[in-house]
């Protein structure tokens, strides 16, 4: 069954802020771009982004990175 979750308003707002932030890291920008691409669409997280987001959740202590990564992981089709 396809995952129909979409990026929520709070996550989309954070993603937009991250993309406008000049000091955001490349990883944060990548996660933010993917999250925004999934706003108001039925798109799901790609395998590559699933891996990147999962990695960020395991290894990052930054709140913004973890929030964006969590949003992407929740939209993946990967089965538990």
PDB file of N, CA and C in Angstrom:
ATOM      1  N   UNK A   1       0.842  -1.181   0.000  1.00  0.00           N
ATOM      2  CA  UNK A   1       0.000   0.000   0.000  1.00  0.00           C
ATOM      3  C   UNK A   1       0.889   1.248   0.000  1.00  0.00           C
ATOM      4  N   UNK A   2       0.551   2.177  -0.855  1.00  0.00           N
ATOM      5  CA  UNK A   2       1.354   3.391  -0.990  1.00  0.00           C
ATOM      6  C   UNK A   2       1.106   4.340   0.185  1.00  0.00           C
ATOM      7  N   UNK A   3       2.166   4.931   0.673  1.00  0.00           N
ATOM      8  CA  UNK A   3       2.089   5.885   1.767  1.00  0.00           C
ATOM      9  C   UNK A   3       1.522   7.197   1.221  1.00  0.00           C
ATOM     10  N   UNK A   4       0.466   7.703   1.831  1.00  0.00           N
ATOM     11  CA  UNK A   4      -0.164   8.939   1.344  1.00  0.00           C
ATOM     12  C   UNK A   4       0.149  10.145   2.232  1.00  0.00           C
ATOM     13  N   UNK A   5       1.088   9.995   3.155  1.00  0.00           N
ATOM     14  CA  UNK A   5       1.473  11.128   3.995  1.00  0.00           C
ATOM     15  C   UNK A   5       2.071  12.235   3.146  1.00  0.00           C
ATOM     16  N   UNK A   6       1.827  13.469   3.559  1.00  0.00           N
ATOM     17  CA  UNK A   6       2.401  14.632   2.887  1.00  0.00           C
ATOM     18  C   UNK A   6       3.141  15.460   3.923  1.00  0.00           C
ATOM     19  N   UNK A   7       4.047  16.308   3.448  1.00  0.00           N
ATOM     20  CA  UNK A   7       4.747  17.212   4.353  1.00  0.00           C
ATOM     21  C   UNK A   7       3.724  18.149   4.978  1.00  0.00           C
ATOM     22  N   UNK A   8       3.699  18.223   6.288  1.00  0.00           N
ATOM     23  CA  UNK A   8       2.764  19.096   6.988  1.00  0.00           C
ATOM     24  C   UNK A   8       3.197  20.553   6.934  1.00  0.00           C
ATOM     25  N   UNK A   9       2.307  21.428   7.383  1.00  0.00           N
ATOM     26  CA  UNK A   9       2.573  22.867   7.343  1.00  0.00           C
ATOM     27  C   UNK A   9       3.807  23.249   8.152  1.00  0.00           C
ATOM     28  N   UNK A  10       3.930  22.675   9.331  1.00  0.00           N
ATOM     29  CA  UNK A  10       5.060  23.010  10.198  1.00  0.00           C
ATOM     30  C   UNK A  10       6.391  22.598   9.547  1.00  0.00           C
ATOM     31  N   UNK A  11       6.425  21.389   8.990  1.00  0.00           N
ATOM     32  CA  UNK A  11       7.646  20.892   8.341  1.00  0.00           C
ATOM     33  C   UNK A  11       7.939  21.687   7.068  1.00  0.00           C
ATOM     34  N   UNK A  12       6.891  22.047   6.324  1.00  0.00           N
ATOM     35  CA  UNK A  12       7.078  22.826   5.095  1.00  0.00           C
ATOM     36  C   UNK A  12       7.621  24.218   5.427  1.00  0.00           C
ATOM     37  N   UNK A  13       7.124  24.806   6.499  1.00  0.00           N
ATOM     38  CA  UNK A  13       7.604  26.123   6.930  1.00  0.00           C
ATOM     39  C   UNK A  13       9.080  26.040   7.321  1.00  0.00           C
ATOM     40  N   UNK A  14       9.435  25.000   8.059  1.00  0.00           N
ATOM     41  CA  UNK A  14      10.828  24.795   8.452  1.00  0.00           C
ATOM     42  C   UNK A  14      11.711  24.574   7.222  1.00  0.00           C
ATOM     43  N   UNK A  15      11.221  23.818   6.255  1.00  0.00           N
ATOM     44  CA  UNK A  15      11.988  23.558   5.033  1.00  0.00           C
ATOM     45  C   UNK A  15      12.225  24.858   4.268  1.00  0.00           C
ATOM     46  N   UNK A  16      11.205  25.681   4.145  1.00  0.00           N
ATOM     47  CA  UNK A  16      11.356  26.964   3.457  1.00  0.00           C
ATOM     48  C   UNK A  16      12.355  27.868   4.149  1.00  0.00           C
ATOM     49  N   UNK A  17      12.268  27.906   5.473  1.00  0.00           N
ATOM     50  CA  UNK A  17      13.204  28.712   6.264  1.00  0.00           C
ATOM     51  C   UNK A  17      14.633  28.216   6.081  1.00  0.00           C
ATOM     52  N   UNK A  18      14.782  26.906   6.056  1.00  0.00           N
ATOM     53  CA  UNK A  18      16.106  26.295   5.904  1.00  0.00           C
ATOM     54  C   UNK A  18      16.709  26.653   4.555  1.00  0.00           C
ATOM     55  N   UNK A  19      15.914  26.592   3.505  1.00  0.00           N
ATOM     56  CA  UNK A  19      16.426  26.908   2.170  1.00  0.00           C
ATOM     57  C   UNK A  19      16.824  28.373   2.043  1.00  0.00           C
ATOM     58  N   UNK A  20      16.163  29.239   2.800  1.00  0.00           N
ATOM     59  CA  UNK A  20      16.503  30.674   2.759  1.00  0.00           C
ATOM     60  C   UNK A  20      17.688  31.025   3.666  1.00  0.00           C
ATOM     61  N   UNK A  21      18.038  30.114   4.562  1.00  0.00           N
ATOM     62  CA  UNK A  21      19.112  30.352   5.523  1.00  0.00           C
ATOM     63  C   UNK A  21      20.477  30.135   4.866  1.00  0.00           C
ATOM     64  N   UNK A  22      21.263  31.185   4.785  1.00  0.00           N
ATOM     65  CA  UNK A  22      22.586  31.088   4.153  1.00  0.00           C
ATOM     66  C   UNK A  22      23.550  30.172   4.894  1.00  0.00           C
ATOM     67  N   UNK A  23      23.323  29.949   6.172  1.00  0.00           N
ATOM     68  CA  UNK A  23      24.248  29.113   6.933  1.00  0.00           C
ATOM     69  C   UNK A  23      23.772  27.656   7.027  1.00  0.00           C
ATOM     70  N   UNK A  24      22.711  27.297   6.324  1.00  0.00           N
ATOM     71  CA  UNK A  24      22.233  25.912   6.329  1.00  0.00           C
ATOM     72  C   UNK A  24      23.252  25.022   5.616  1.00  0.00           C
ATOM     73  N   UNK A  25      23.413  23.821   6.121  1.00  0.00           N
ATOM     74  CA  UNK A  25      24.361  22.881   5.516  1.00  0.00           C
ATOM     75  C   UNK A  25      23.771  22.280   4.235  1.00  0.00           C
ATOM     76  N   UNK A  26      24.614  21.659   3.456  1.00  0.00           N
ATOM     77  CA  UNK A  26      24.168  21.001   2.225  1.00  0.00           C
ATOM     78  C   UNK A  26      23.168  19.891   2.549  1.00  0.00           C
ATOM     79  N   UNK A  27      23.409  19.163   3.629  1.00  0.00           N
ATOM     80  CA  UNK A  27      22.501  18.088   4.029  1.00  0.00           C
ATOM     81  C   UNK A  27      21.127  18.666   4.391  1.00  0.00           C
ATOM     82  N   UNK A  28      21.116  19.769   5.152  1.00  0.00           N
ATOM     83  CA  UNK A  28      19.854  20.398   5.529  1.00  0.00           C
ATOM     84  C   UNK A  28      19.100  20.888   4.291  1.00  0.00           C
ATOM     85  N   UNK A  29      19.819  21.486   3.346  1.00  0.00           N
ATOM     86  CA  UNK A  29      19.188  21.989   2.123  1.00  0.00           C
ATOM     87  C   UNK A  29      18.607  20.840   1.299  1.00  0.00           C
ATOM     88  N   UNK A  30      19.314  19.750   1.227  1.00  0.00           N
ATOM     89  CA  UNK A  30      18.847  18.588   0.481  1.00  0.00           C
ATOM     90  C   UNK A  30      17.573  18.018   1.107  1.00  0.00           C
ATOM     91  N   UNK A  31      17.575  17.850   2.422  1.00  0.00           N
ATOM     92  CA  UNK A  31      16.406  17.340   3.125  1.00  0.00           C
ATOM     93  C   UNK A  31      15.227  18.306   2.984  1.00  0.00           C
ATOM     94  N   UNK A  32      15.504  19.603   3.092  1.00  0.00           N
ATOM     95  CA  UNK A  32      14.456  20.615   2.982  1.00  0.00           C
ATOM     96  C   UNK A  32      13.839  20.621   1.583  1.00  0.00           C
ATOM     97  N   UNK A  33      14.662  20.519   0.571  1.00  0.00           N
ATOM     98  CA  UNK A  33      14.165  20.499  -0.799  1.00  0.00           C
ATOM     99  C   UNK A  33      13.267  19.303  -1.057  1.00  0.00           C
ATOM    100  N   UNK A  34      13.662  18.162  -0.552  1.00  0.00           N
ATOM    101  CA  UNK A  34      12.854  16.958  -0.721  1.00  0.00           C
ATOM    102  C   UNK A  34      11.527  17.088   0.025  1.00  0.00           C
ATOM    103  N   UNK A  35      11.579  17.623   1.238  1.00  0.00           N
ATOM    104  CA  UNK A  35      10.350  17.808   2.019  1.00  0.00           C
ATOM    105  C   UNK A  35       9.396  18.764   1.309  1.00  0.00           C
ATOM    106  N   UNK A  36       9.920  19.862   0.765  1.00  0.00           N
ATOM    107  CA  UNK A  36       9.064  20.811   0.055  1.00  0.00           C
ATOM    108  C   UNK A  36       8.476  20.196  -1.209  1.00  0.00           C
ATOM    109  N   UNK A  37       9.230  19.364  -1.873  1.00  0.00           N
ATOM    110  CA  UNK A  37       8.742  18.716  -3.095  1.00  0.00           C
ATOM    111  C   UNK A  37       7.565  17.786  -2.807  1.00  0.00           C
ATOM    112  N   UNK A  38       7.437  17.359  -1.561  1.00  0.00           N
ATOM    113  CA  UNK A  38       6.369  16.437  -1.180  1.00  0.00           C
ATOM    114  C   UNK A  38       5.189  17.141  -0.515  1.00  0.00           C
ATOM    115  N   UNK A  39       5.191  18.458  -0.553  1.00  0.00           N
ATOM    116  CA  UNK A  39       4.088  19.224   0.019  1.00  0.00           C
ATOM    117  C   UNK A  39       2.943  19.270  -0.988  1.00  0.00           C
ATOM    118  N   UNK A  40       1.754  18.900  -0.538  1.00  0.00           N
ATOM    119  CA  UNK A  40       0.532  18.920  -1.363  1.00  0.00           C
ATOM    120  C   UNK A  40       0.628  18.042  -2.606  1.00  0.00           C
ATOM    121  N   UNK A  41       1.364  16.955  -2.515  1.00  0.00           N
ATOM    122  CA  UNK A  41       1.453  15.994  -3.622  1.00  0.00           C
ATOM    123  C   UNK A  41       1.379  14.588  -3.051  1.00  0.00           C
ATOM    124  N   UNK A  42       1.278  13.629  -3.921  1.00  0.00           N
ATOM    125  CA  UNK A  42       1.292  12.223  -3.497  1.00  0.00           C
ATOM    126  C   UNK A  42       2.666  11.607  -3.658  1.00  0.00           C
ATOM    127  N   UNK A  43       3.689  12.445  -3.868  1.00  0.00           N
ATOM    128  CA  UNK A  43       5.054  11.934  -3.994  1.00  0.00           C
ATOM    129  C   UNK A  43       5.500  11.338  -2.667  1.00  0.00           C
ATOM    130  N   UNK A  44       6.336  10.322  -2.772  1.00  0.00           N
ATOM    131  CA  UNK A  44       6.908   9.734  -1.560  1.00  0.00           C
ATOM    132  C   UNK A  44       8.421   9.894  -1.602  1.00  0.00           C
ATOM    133  N   UNK A  45       9.049   9.640  -0.495  1.00  0.00           N
ATOM    134  CA  UNK A  45      10.497   9.784  -0.372  1.00  0.00           C
ATOM    135  C   UNK A  45      11.220   8.729  -1.194  1.00  0.00           C
ATOM    136  N   UNK A  46      12.206   9.150  -1.977  1.00  0.00           N
ATOM    137  CA  UNK A  46      12.989   8.206  -2.788  1.00  0.00           C
ATOM    138  C   UNK A  46      13.885   7.364  -1.883  1.00  0.00           C
ATOM    139  N   UNK A  47      14.341   6.257  -2.413  1.00  0.00           N
ATOM    140  CA  UNK A  47      15.243   5.372  -1.647  1.00  0.00           C
ATOM    141  C   UNK A  47      16.503   6.118  -1.210  1.00  0.00           C
ATOM    142  N   UNK A  48      17.050   6.931  -2.113  1.00  0.00           N
ATOM    143  CA  UNK A  48      18.272   7.682  -1.794  1.00  0.00           C
ATOM    144  C   UNK A  48      18.024   8.653  -0.643  1.00  0.00           C
ATOM    145  N   UNK A  49      16.886   9.342  -0.694  1.00  0.00           N
ATOM    146  CA  UNK A  49      16.576  10.298   0.375  1.00  0.00           C
ATOM    147  C   UNK A  49      16.204   9.579   1.668  1.00  0.00           C
ATOM    148  N   UNK A  50      15.577   8.411   1.551  1.00  0.00           N
ATOM    149  CA  UNK A  50      15.280   7.617   2.749  1.00  0.00           C
ATOM    150  C   UNK A  50      16.571   7.302   3.495  1.00  0.00           C
ATOM    151  N   UNK A  51      17.579   6.892   2.737  1.00  0.00           N
ATOM    152  CA  UNK A  51      18.870   6.548   3.326  1.00  0.00           C
ATOM    153  C   UNK A  51      19.511   7.773   3.964  1.00  0.00           C
ATOM    154  N   UNK A  52      19.491   8.895   3.252  1.00  0.00           N
ATOM    155  CA  UNK A  52      20.086  10.128   3.766  1.00  0.00           C
ATOM    156  C   UNK A  52      19.352  10.609   5.027  1.00  0.00           C
ATOM    157  N   UNK A  53      18.020  10.536   5.007  1.00  0.00           N
ATOM    158  CA  UNK A  53      17.224  10.978   6.159  1.00  0.00           C
ATOM    159  C   UNK A  53      17.430  10.048   7.351  1.00  0.00           C
ATOM    160  N   UNK A  54      17.469   8.751   7.086  1.00  0.00           N
ATOM    161  CA  UNK A  54      17.687   7.776   8.147  1.00  0.00           C
ATOM    162  C   UNK A  54      19.048   7.992   8.800  1.00  0.00           C
ATOM    163  N   UNK A  55      20.037   8.234   7.965  1.00  0.00           N
ATOM    164  CA  UNK A  55      21.395   8.515   8.433  1.00  0.00           C
ATOM    165  C   UNK A  55      21.409   9.776   9.303  1.00  0.00           C
ATOM    166  N   UNK A  56      20.692  10.791   8.872  1.00  0.00           N
ATOM    167  CA  UNK A  56      20.640  12.052   9.616  1.00  0.00           C
ATOM    168  C   UNK A  56      19.976  11.853  10.977  1.00  0.00           C
ATOM    169  N   UNK A  57      18.940  11.031  11.021  1.00  0.00           N
ATOM    170  CA  UNK A  57      18.276  10.765  12.303  1.00  0.00           C
ATOM    171  C   UNK A  57      19.191  10.037  13.274  1.00  0.00           C
ATOM    172  N   UNK A  58      20.000   9.127  12.746  1.00  0.00           N
ATOM    173  CA  UNK A  58      20.905   8.360  13.608  1.00  0.00           C
ATOM    174  C   UNK A  58      22.106   9.175  14.076  1.00  0.00           C
ATOM    175  N   UNK A  59      22.617  10.053  13.206  1.00  0.00           N
ATOM    176  CA  UNK A  59      23.908  10.677  13.491  1.00  0.00           C
ATOM    177  C   UNK A  59      23.891  12.166  13.796  1.00  0.00           C
ATOM    178  N   UNK A  60      22.807  12.851  13.521  1.00  0.00           N
ATOM    179  CA  UNK A  60      22.795  14.292  13.712  1.00  0.00           C
ATOM    180  C   UNK A  60      22.207  14.673  15.075  1.00  0.00           C
ATOM    181  N   UNK A  61      22.744  15.736  15.644  1.00  0.00           N
ATOM    182  CA  UNK A  61      22.195  16.269  16.886  1.00  0.00           C
ATOM    183  C   UNK A  61      21.465  17.581  16.628  1.00  0.00           C
ATOM    184  N   UNK A  62      21.547  18.071  15.386  1.00  0.00           N
ATOM    185  CA  UNK A  62      20.911  19.331  15.033  1.00  0.00           C
ATOM    186  C   UNK A  62      19.395  19.154  14.917  1.00  0.00           C
ATOM    187  N   UNK A  63      18.646  19.993  15.605  1.00  0.00           N
ATOM    188  CA  UNK A  63      17.187  19.884  15.658  1.00  0.00           C
ATOM    189  C   UNK A  63      16.539  20.056  14.275  1.00  0.00           C
ATOM    190  N   UNK A  64      17.015  21.013  13.493  1.00  0.00           N
ATOM    191  CA  UNK A  64      16.452  21.249  12.159  1.00  0.00           C
ATOM    192  C   UNK A  64      16.660  20.033  11.263  1.00  0.00           C
ATOM    193  N   UNK A  65      17.869  19.509  11.259  1.00  0.00           N
ATOM    194  CA  UNK A  65      18.184  18.340  10.440  1.00  0.00           C
ATOM    195  C   UNK A  65      17.317  17.161  10.831  1.00  0.00           C
ATOM    196  N   UNK A  66      17.191  16.931  12.127  1.00  0.00           N
ATOM    197  CA  UNK A  66      16.405  15.799  12.615  1.00  0.00           C
ATOM    198  C   UNK A  66      14.920  15.964  12.289  1.00  0.00           C
ATOM    199  N   UNK A  67      14.396  17.168  12.389  1.00  0.00           N
ATOM    200  CA  UNK A  67      12.980  17.410  12.080  1.00  0.00           C
ATOM    201  C   UNK A  67      12.685  17.156  10.610  1.00  0.00           C
ATOM    202  N   UNK A  68      13.536  17.680   9.742  1.00  0.00           N
ATOM    203  CA  UNK A  68      13.346  17.470   8.306  1.00  0.00           C
ATOM    204  C   UNK A  68      13.484  15.994   7.952  1.00  0.00           C
ATOM    205  N   UNK A  69      14.475  15.348   8.537  1.00  0.00           N
ATOM    206  CA  UNK A  69      14.698  13.926   8.270  1.00  0.00           C
ATOM    207  C   UNK A  69      13.506  13.087   8.747  1.00  0.00           C
ATOM    208  N   UNK A  70      12.982  13.410   9.898  1.00  0.00           N
ATOM    209  CA  UNK A  70      11.820  12.685  10.430  1.00  0.00           C
ATOM    210  C   UNK A  70      10.614  12.803   9.527  1.00  0.00           C
ATOM    211  N   UNK A  71      10.409  13.994   8.979  1.00  0.00           N
ATOM    212  CA  UNK A  71       9.306  14.204   8.057  1.00  0.00           C
ATOM    213  C   UNK A  71       9.457  13.315   6.822  1.00  0.00           C
ATOM    214  N   UNK A  72      10.671  13.235   6.292  1.00  0.00           N
ATOM    215  CA  UNK A  72      10.908  12.426   5.094  1.00  0.00           C
ATOM    216  C   UNK A  72      10.759  10.935   5.367  1.00  0.00           C
ATOM    217  N   UNK A  73      11.268  10.493   6.490  1.00  0.00           N
ATOM    218  CA  UNK A  73      11.174   9.065   6.826  1.00  0.00           C
ATOM    219  C   UNK A  73       9.702   8.666   6.994  1.00  0.00           C
ATOM    220  N   UNK A  74       8.893   9.550   7.554  1.00  0.00           N
ATOM    221  CA  UNK A  74       7.478   9.230   7.749  1.00  0.00           C
ATOM    222  C   UNK A  74       6.721   9.134   6.427  1.00  0.00           C
ATOM    223  N   UNK A  75       7.302   9.658   5.361  1.00  0.00           N
ATOM    224  CA  UNK A  75       6.643   9.642   4.049  1.00  0.00           C
ATOM    225  C   UNK A  75       7.206   8.562   3.126  1.00  0.00           C
ATOM    226  N   UNK A  76       8.041   7.703   3.651  1.00  0.00           N
ATOM    227  CA  UNK A  76       8.645   6.664   2.807  1.00  0.00           C
ATOM    228  C   UNK A  76       7.701   5.476   2.689  1.00  0.00           C
ATOM    229  N   UNK A  77       7.940   4.668   1.679  1.00  0.00           N
ATOM    230  CA  UNK A  77       7.143   3.451   1.480  1.00  0.00           C
ATOM    231  C   UNK A  77       7.776   2.226   2.121  1.00  0.00           C
ATOM    232  N   UNK A  78       8.927   2.432   2.768  1.00  0.00           N
ATOM    233  CA  UNK A  78       9.650   1.318   3.368  1.00  0.00           C
ATOM    234  C   UNK A  78       8.795   0.672   4.468  1.00  0.00           C
ATOM    235  N   UNK A  79       8.746  -0.647   4.463  1.00  0.00           N
ATOM    236  CA  UNK A  79       7.980  -1.364   5.477  1.00  0.00           C
ATOM    237  C   UNK A  79       8.862  -1.579   6.695  1.00  0.00           C
ATOM    238  N   UNK A  80       8.265  -1.506   7.889  1.00  0.00           N
ATOM    239  CA  UNK A  80       9.054  -1.689   9.118  1.00  0.00           C
ATOM    240  C   UNK A  80       9.659  -3.053   9.240  1.00  0.00           C
TER     241      UNK A  80
END
